[in-house]
């Protein structure tokens, strides 16, 4: 499992710091200091790809809408389908109407 590979005191400190952020403005300020624009855009793109996959969009459409490579889309798909559940937890909270639709299937 990937989680065991990233688990450390430093990672705990990072995640605790993120959990302390109060609003979007604090997030913008923290991540502006923490990450490069490219790193942040990559993370945001992966989350958008996961959202699109949950909406059952095709790889071609996702690639056109997000600019993500098919390799990135495939990697995100594996995580959505077989990963630790992180994408699904966050997307269920951001888009509860999609979670409800998934539950009805």
Protein backbone atom coordinates (compact mmCIF):
# COMPACT_ATOMS: atom_id res chain seq x y z
CA UNK A 1 0.00 0.00 0.00
CA UNK A 2 1.32 3.46 -0.96
CA UNK A 3 0.23 5.06 2.32
CA UNK A 4 2.85 3.11 4.25
CA UNK A 5 5.56 4.40 1.92
CA UNK A 6 4.70 8.08 2.49
CA UNK A 7 3.92 7.88 6.20
CA UNK A 8 6.49 9.80 8.27
CA UNK A 9 6.76 12.55 10.88
CA UNK A 10 7.39 15.09 8.11
CA UNK A 11 4.31 13.98 6.19
CA UNK A 12 2.25 14.04 9.40
CA UNK A 13 3.42 17.62 9.98
CA UNK A 14 2.43 18.62 6.43
CA UNK A 15 -1.02 17.07 6.67
CA UNK A 16 -1.63 18.57 10.12
CA UNK A 17 -0.65 21.97 8.71
CA UNK A 18 -3.14 21.56 5.85
CA UNK A 19 -5.86 20.60 8.32
CA UNK A 20 -5.20 23.86 10.20
CA UNK A 21 -6.07 26.02 7.18
CA UNK A 22 -9.34 27.88 7.74
CA UNK A 23 -10.47 29.01 4.27
CA UNK A 24 -9.57 29.23 0.58
CA UNK A 25 -7.49 32.38 1.05
CA UNK A 26 -5.31 30.65 3.67
CA UNK A 27 -4.97 27.67 1.31
CA UNK A 28 -3.85 29.92 -1.53
CA UNK A 29 -1.27 31.64 0.68
CA UNK A 30 0.09 28.39 2.14
CA UNK A 31 0.31 26.53 -1.16
CA UNK A 32 1.80 29.59 -2.89
CA UNK A 33 4.66 29.38 -0.39
CA UNK A 34 4.83 25.57 -0.34
CA UNK A 35 4.63 24.45 -3.96
CA UNK A 36 5.56 25.63 -7.41
CA UNK A 37 2.81 26.69 -9.77
CA UNK A 38 3.49 23.57 -11.85
CA UNK A 39 3.20 21.25 -8.85
CA UNK A 40 -0.05 22.85 -7.79
CA UNK A 41 -1.48 22.72 -11.30
CA UNK A 42 -0.59 19.02 -11.53
CA UNK A 43 -2.39 18.26 -8.28
CA UNK A 44 -5.43 20.28 -9.32
CA UNK A 45 -5.46 18.56 -12.71
CA UNK A 46 -5.41 15.10 -11.11
CA UNK A 47 -8.36 15.98 -8.90
CA UNK A 48 -10.27 17.28 -11.92
CA UNK A 49 -9.45 14.08 -13.83
CA UNK A 50 -10.79 12.01 -10.92
CA UNK A 51 -13.96 14.10 -10.90
CA UNK A 52 -14.39 13.61 -14.67
CA UNK A 53 -13.83 9.86 -14.34
CA UNK A 54 -16.52 9.68 -11.66
CA UNK A 55 -18.82 11.47 -14.11
CA UNK A 56 -18.11 8.64 -16.59
CA UNK A 57 -16.48 10.92 -19.14
CA UNK A 58 -14.34 9.31 -21.84
CA UNK A 59 -10.54 9.54 -21.84
CA UNK A 60 -10.69 11.69 -25.00
CA UNK A 61 -13.09 14.15 -23.41
CA UNK A 62 -11.07 14.27 -20.18
CA UNK A 63 -7.88 14.85 -22.14
CA UNK A 64 -9.50 17.69 -24.11
CA UNK A 65 -11.07 19.32 -21.05
CA UNK A 66 -8.13 19.02 -18.64
CA UNK A 67 -5.04 18.73 -20.82
CA UNK A 68 -4.03 15.60 -18.90
CA UNK A 69 -2.09 12.90 -20.70
CA UNK A 70 -3.61 9.45 -21.12
CA UNK A 71 -0.90 8.18 -18.73
CA UNK A 72 -2.10 10.61 -16.04
CA UNK A 73 -5.73 9.69 -16.67
CA UNK A 74 -4.89 5.98 -16.41
CA UNK A 75 -2.96 6.48 -13.17
CA UNK A 76 -5.80 8.48 -11.64
CA UNK A 77 -8.29 5.85 -12.81
CA UNK A 78 -6.31 3.13 -10.98
CA UNK A 79 -6.35 5.24 -7.81
CA UNK A 80 -10.07 5.99 -8.09
CA UNK A 81 -10.90 2.33 -8.70
CA UNK A 82 -8.32 0.51 -6.56
CA UNK A 83 -6.52 3.08 -4.40
CA UNK A 84 -6.85 4.02 -0.76
CA UNK A 85 -10.16 5.81 -1.30
CA UNK A 86 -8.81 9.33 -0.93
CA UNK A 87 -10.16 10.67 -4.21
CA UNK A 88 -13.57 9.15 -3.54
CA UNK A 89 -13.75 10.56 0.00
CA UNK A 90 -12.98 14.08 -1.16
CA UNK A 91 -15.17 13.92 -4.27
CA UNK A 92 -18.10 12.53 -2.27
CA UNK A 93 -17.83 15.57 0.00
CA UNK A 94 -17.33 18.10 -2.78
CA UNK A 95 -20.06 16.64 -5.00
CA UNK A 96 -22.55 14.80 -2.77
CA UNK A 97 -25.05 14.58 -5.64
CA UNK A 98 -22.61 12.32 -7.54
CA UNK A 99 -22.06 10.18 -4.45
CA UNK A 100 -25.83 9.73 -4.15
CA UNK A 101 -26.01 8.64 -7.80
CA UNK A 102 -23.19 6.13 -7.24
CA UNK A 103 -25.03 4.72 -4.21
CA UNK A 104 -28.17 4.12 -6.27
CA UNK A 105 -26.36 1.79 -8.68
